[in-house]
C-alpha cells in the first residue's frame, strides 16, 4: 500500500538519486551484477543507515521509504529498465534476484546521468579473468 500523505524529510528526487546510487553500487559489486532481492534490501538499508530518512520525526530505513512511496522495492525497480528481476526456483521456492542491465545504462534518461556516468567509469573484472602472480 502506497502512502502518499506521509511526511518525509527528504525530497522524492533526492531519495531517488540516493536509491539509484546505492543500488547500482551494490549490484556492480556483486558477481555478474546480480544479487538476491532480500540481500539487496539488507545491504541497501545497511549502506544508507548514515542518511537520515525521517517520517513523523522518527528515523526510518530506506526500504520503508520505498515501501511507503512505491508500494515496494520491486515496484521501484520495475520503473527502470536498468534493473531486471529474475525469478529462480530453488528447492521448490521462488527466489527473486535483481540484475543490473549494462545495455540499458546509457539509454535511460529518467535517472540522473551523473550516477550512470560514475558507473560507466568503472571496469568490472571477474576474479576468473586474471591470475595473481
C-alpha atoms as a PDB file:
ATOM      1  CA  UNK A   1       0.000   0.000   0.000  1.00  0.00           C
ATOM      2  CA  UNK A   2       1.385   3.392  -1.002  1.00  0.00           C
ATOM      3  CA  UNK A   3       1.016   6.249   1.498  1.00  0.00           C
ATOM      4  CA  UNK A   4       1.174   9.488  -0.485  1.00  0.00           C
ATOM      5  CA  UNK A   5       0.413  11.724   2.527  1.00  0.00           C
ATOM      6  CA  UNK A   6       3.331  10.605   4.668  1.00  0.00           C
ATOM      7  CA  UNK A   7       5.706  13.437   5.516  1.00  0.00           C
ATOM      8  CA  UNK A   8       9.320  12.640   4.820  1.00  0.00           C
ATOM      9  CA  UNK A   9      12.284  14.928   5.445  1.00  0.00           C
ATOM     10  CA  UNK A  10      13.751  14.290   2.002  1.00  0.00           C
ATOM     11  CA  UNK A  11      12.511  15.215  -1.450  1.00  0.00           C
ATOM     12  CA  UNK A  12      11.375  12.493  -3.813  1.00  0.00           C
ATOM     13  CA  UNK A  13      14.069  13.448  -6.315  1.00  0.00           C
ATOM     14  CA  UNK A  14      16.884  13.320  -3.746  1.00  0.00           C
ATOM     15  CA  UNK A  15      15.656   9.987  -2.352  1.00  0.00           C
ATOM     16  CA  UNK A  16      15.501   8.567  -5.861  1.00  0.00           C
ATOM     17  CA  UNK A  17      19.095   9.695  -6.559  1.00  0.00           C
ATOM     18  CA  UNK A  18      20.310   8.110  -3.319  1.00  0.00           C
ATOM     19  CA  UNK A  19      18.434   4.892  -4.033  1.00  0.00           C
ATOM     20  CA  UNK A  20      19.824   4.552  -7.567  1.00  0.00           C
ATOM     21  CA  UNK A  21      23.363   5.386  -6.494  1.00  0.00           C
ATOM     22  CA  UNK A  22      23.420   2.732  -3.763  1.00  0.00           C
ATOM     23  CA  UNK A  23      21.548   0.056  -5.721  1.00  0.00           C
ATOM     24  CA  UNK A  24      23.928   0.477  -8.666  1.00  0.00           C
ATOM     25  CA  UNK A  25      26.949   0.321  -6.321  1.00  0.00           C
ATOM     26  CA  UNK A  26      25.641  -2.855  -4.672  1.00  0.00           C
ATOM     27  CA  UNK A  27      24.847  -4.524  -7.986  1.00  0.00           C
ATOM     28  CA  UNK A  28      28.144  -3.624  -9.641  1.00  0.00           C
ATOM     29  CA  UNK A  29      29.996  -5.121  -6.646  1.00  0.00           C
ATOM     30  CA  UNK A  30      28.025  -8.370  -6.969  1.00  0.00           C
ATOM     31  CA  UNK A  31      29.041 -11.311  -9.132  1.00  0.00           C
ATOM     32  CA  UNK A  32      27.551 -10.908 -12.630  1.00  0.00           C
ATOM     33  CA  UNK A  33      25.875  -7.690 -11.416  1.00  0.00           C
ATOM     34  CA  UNK A  34      23.209  -9.908  -9.818  1.00  0.00           C
ATOM     35  CA  UNK A  35      22.074 -10.262  -6.213  1.00  0.00           C
ATOM     36  CA  UNK A  36      19.169 -11.751  -4.281  1.00  0.00           C
ATOM     37  CA  UNK A  37      16.418  -9.220  -3.663  1.00  0.00           C
ATOM     38  CA  UNK A  38      16.438  -9.885   0.088  1.00  0.00           C
ATOM     39  CA  UNK A  39      20.200  -9.356   0.207  1.00  0.00           C
ATOM     40  CA  UNK A  40      19.879  -6.163  -1.850  1.00  0.00           C
ATOM     41  CA  UNK A  41      17.342  -4.741   0.612  1.00  0.00           C
ATOM     42  CA  UNK A  42      19.546  -5.654   3.564  1.00  0.00           C
ATOM     43  CA  UNK A  43      22.684  -4.112   2.022  1.00  0.00           C
ATOM     44  CA  UNK A  44      20.750  -1.044   0.896  1.00  0.00           C
ATOM     45  CA  UNK A  45      19.480  -0.440   4.433  1.00  0.00           C
ATOM     46  CA  UNK A  46      22.941  -1.024   5.893  1.00  0.00           C
ATOM     47  CA  UNK A  47      24.796   1.220   3.439  1.00  0.00           C
ATOM     48  CA  UNK A  48      22.315   4.078   3.784  1.00  0.00           C
ATOM     49  CA  UNK A  49      21.900   3.991   7.560  1.00  0.00           C
ATOM     50  CA  UNK A  50      24.027   7.157   7.839  1.00  0.00           C
ATOM     51  CA  UNK A  51      21.446   9.056   5.739  1.00  0.00           C
ATOM     52  CA  UNK A  52      18.526  10.435   7.715  1.00  0.00           C
ATOM     53  CA  UNK A  53      15.190   9.300   6.357  1.00  0.00           C
ATOM     54  CA  UNK A  54      12.658  10.536   8.875  1.00  0.00           C
ATOM     55  CA  UNK A  55       8.911  10.165   8.924  1.00  0.00           C
ATOM     56  CA  UNK A  56       6.919  11.858  11.680  1.00  0.00           C
ATOM     57  CA  UNK A  57      10.243  12.743  13.367  1.00  0.00           C
ATOM     58  CA  UNK A  58      11.337   9.094  13.592  1.00  0.00           C
ATOM     59  CA  UNK A  59      14.364   7.719  11.733  1.00  0.00           C
ATOM     60  CA  UNK A  60      13.362   5.041   9.219  1.00  0.00           C
ATOM     61  CA  UNK A  61      15.333   2.790   6.839  1.00  0.00           C
ATOM     62  CA  UNK A  62      15.349   3.491   3.117  1.00  0.00           C
ATOM     63  CA  UNK A  63      13.381   0.289   2.474  1.00  0.00           C
ATOM     64  CA  UNK A  64      10.469   1.697   4.469  1.00  0.00           C
ATOM     65  CA  UNK A  65      10.656   4.912   2.441  1.00  0.00           C
ATOM     66  CA  UNK A  66      10.449   2.853  -0.779  1.00  0.00           C
ATOM     67  CA  UNK A  67       7.587   0.816   0.694  1.00  0.00           C
ATOM     68  CA  UNK A  68       5.631   3.979   1.501  1.00  0.00           C
ATOM     69  CA  UNK A  69       6.351   5.839  -1.749  1.00  0.00           C
ATOM     70  CA  UNK A  70       6.255   2.996  -4.289  1.00  0.00           C
ATOM     71  CA  UNK A  71       4.450   0.150  -2.543  1.00  0.00           C
ATOM     72  CA  UNK A  72       7.609  -1.998  -2.535  1.00  0.00           C
ATOM     73  CA  UNK A  73      11.189  -2.029  -3.740  1.00  0.00           C
ATOM     74  CA  UNK A  74      10.025  -4.300  -6.576  1.00  0.00           C
ATOM     75  CA  UNK A  75       7.672  -1.568  -7.805  1.00  0.00           C
ATOM     76  CA  UNK A  76      10.553   0.923  -7.670  1.00  0.00           C
ATOM     77  CA  UNK A  77      12.812  -1.398  -9.696  1.00  0.00           C
ATOM     78  CA  UNK A  78      10.016  -2.040 -12.222  1.00  0.00           C
ATOM     79  CA  UNK A  79      10.001   1.639 -13.166  1.00  0.00           C
ATOM     80  CA  UNK A  80      13.536   1.486 -14.611  1.00  0.00           C
ATOM     81  CA  UNK A  81      14.890  -0.596 -17.477  1.00  0.00           C
ATOM     82  CA  UNK A  82      18.388  -0.743 -15.994  1.00  0.00           C
ATOM     83  CA  UNK A  83      17.181  -3.262 -13.407  1.00  0.00           C
ATOM     84  CA  UNK A  84      15.993  -6.744 -14.327  1.00  0.00           C
ATOM     85  CA  UNK A  85      14.177  -9.028 -11.943  1.00  0.00           C
ATOM     86  CA  UNK A  86      14.802 -12.731 -12.270  1.00  0.00           C
ATOM     87  CA  UNK A  87      12.811 -15.466 -10.541  1.00  0.00           C
ATOM     88  CA  UNK A  88      14.671 -18.700  -9.905  1.00  0.00           C
ATOM     89  CA  UNK A  89      13.127 -21.820  -8.477  1.00  0.00           C
ATOM     90  CA  UNK A  90      15.449 -23.203  -5.797  1.00  0.00           C
ATOM     91  CA  UNK A  91      14.295 -26.185  -3.760  1.00  0.00           C
ATOM     92  CA  UNK A  92      10.694 -25.547  -4.789  1.00  0.00           C
ATOM     93  CA  UNK A  93      10.850 -21.904  -3.660  1.00  0.00           C
ATOM     94  CA  UNK A  94      10.746 -18.900  -5.954  1.00  0.00           C
ATOM     95  CA  UNK A  95      13.759 -16.713  -5.194  1.00  0.00           C
ATOM     96  CA  UNK A  96      13.858 -13.207  -6.660  1.00  0.00           C
ATOM     97  CA  UNK A  97      17.135 -11.791  -7.977  1.00  0.00           C
ATOM     98  CA  UNK A  98      17.936  -8.306  -9.258  1.00  0.00           C
ATOM     99  CA  UNK A  99      20.389  -7.725 -12.112  1.00  0.00           C
ATOM    100  CA  UNK A 100      21.954  -4.512 -13.376  1.00  0.00           C
ATOM    101  CA  UNK A 101      21.448  -4.336 -17.146  1.00  0.00           C
ATOM    102  CA  UNK A 102      24.570  -2.765 -18.665  1.00  0.00           C
ATOM    103  CA  UNK A 103      22.964  -2.443 -22.064  1.00  0.00           C
ATOM    104  CA  UNK A 104      20.276  -0.126 -20.659  1.00  0.00           C
ATOM    105  CA  UNK A 105      22.571   2.205 -18.703  1.00  0.00           C
ATOM    106  CA  UNK A 106      23.297   4.691 -21.486  1.00  0.00           C
ATOM    107  CA  UNK A 107      19.721   4.820 -22.780  1.00  0.00           C
ATOM    108  CA  UNK A 108      17.932   5.539 -19.522  1.00  0.00           C
ATOM    109  CA  UNK A 109      17.095   9.250 -19.393  1.00  0.00           C
ATOM    110  CA  UNK A 110      14.962   9.078 -16.238  1.00  0.00           C
ATOM    111  CA  UNK A 111      17.988   8.622 -13.954  1.00  0.00           C
ATOM    112  CA  UNK A 112      20.495  11.341 -13.122  1.00  0.00           C
ATOM    113  CA  UNK A 113      23.180  10.940 -15.774  1.00  0.00           C
ATOM    114  CA  UNK A 114      25.976  11.705 -13.266  1.00  0.00           C
ATOM    115  CA  UNK A 115      25.129   8.492 -11.409  1.00  0.00           C
ATOM    116  CA  UNK A 116      25.191   6.489 -14.625  1.00  0.00           C
ATOM    117  CA  UNK A 117      28.469   8.068 -15.794  1.00  0.00           C
ATOM    118  CA  UNK A 118      30.104   7.201 -12.471  1.00  0.00           C
ATOM    119  CA  UNK A 119      29.107   3.593 -13.029  1.00  0.00           C
ATOM    120  CA  UNK A 120      30.489   3.550 -16.561  1.00  0.00           C
ATOM    121  CA  UNK A 121      33.884   4.834 -15.368  1.00  0.00           C
ATOM    122  CA  UNK A 122      34.471   1.557 -13.540  1.00  0.00           C
ATOM    123  CA  UNK A 123      35.845  -1.552 -15.193  1.00  0.00           C
ATOM    124  CA  UNK A 124      34.486  -4.715 -13.637  1.00  0.00           C
ATOM    125  CA  UNK A 125      36.846  -7.678 -13.562  1.00  0.00           C
ATOM    126  CA  UNK A 126      35.632 -11.138 -12.738  1.00  0.00           C
ATOM    127  CA  UNK A 127      38.087 -12.982 -10.498  1.00  0.00           C
ATOM    128  CA  UNK A 128      38.246 -15.789 -13.091  1.00  0.00           C
ATOM    129  CA  UNK A 129      39.656 -13.354 -15.680  1.00  0.00           C
ATOM    130  CA  UNK A 130      43.021 -12.682 -14.075  1.00  0.00           C
ATOM    131  CA  UNK A 131      45.866 -14.527 -12.410  1.00  0.00           C
ATOM    132  CA  UNK A 132      47.692 -13.293  -9.327  1.00  0.00           C
ATOM    133  CA  UNK A 133      51.449 -13.501  -9.727  1.00  0.00           C
END
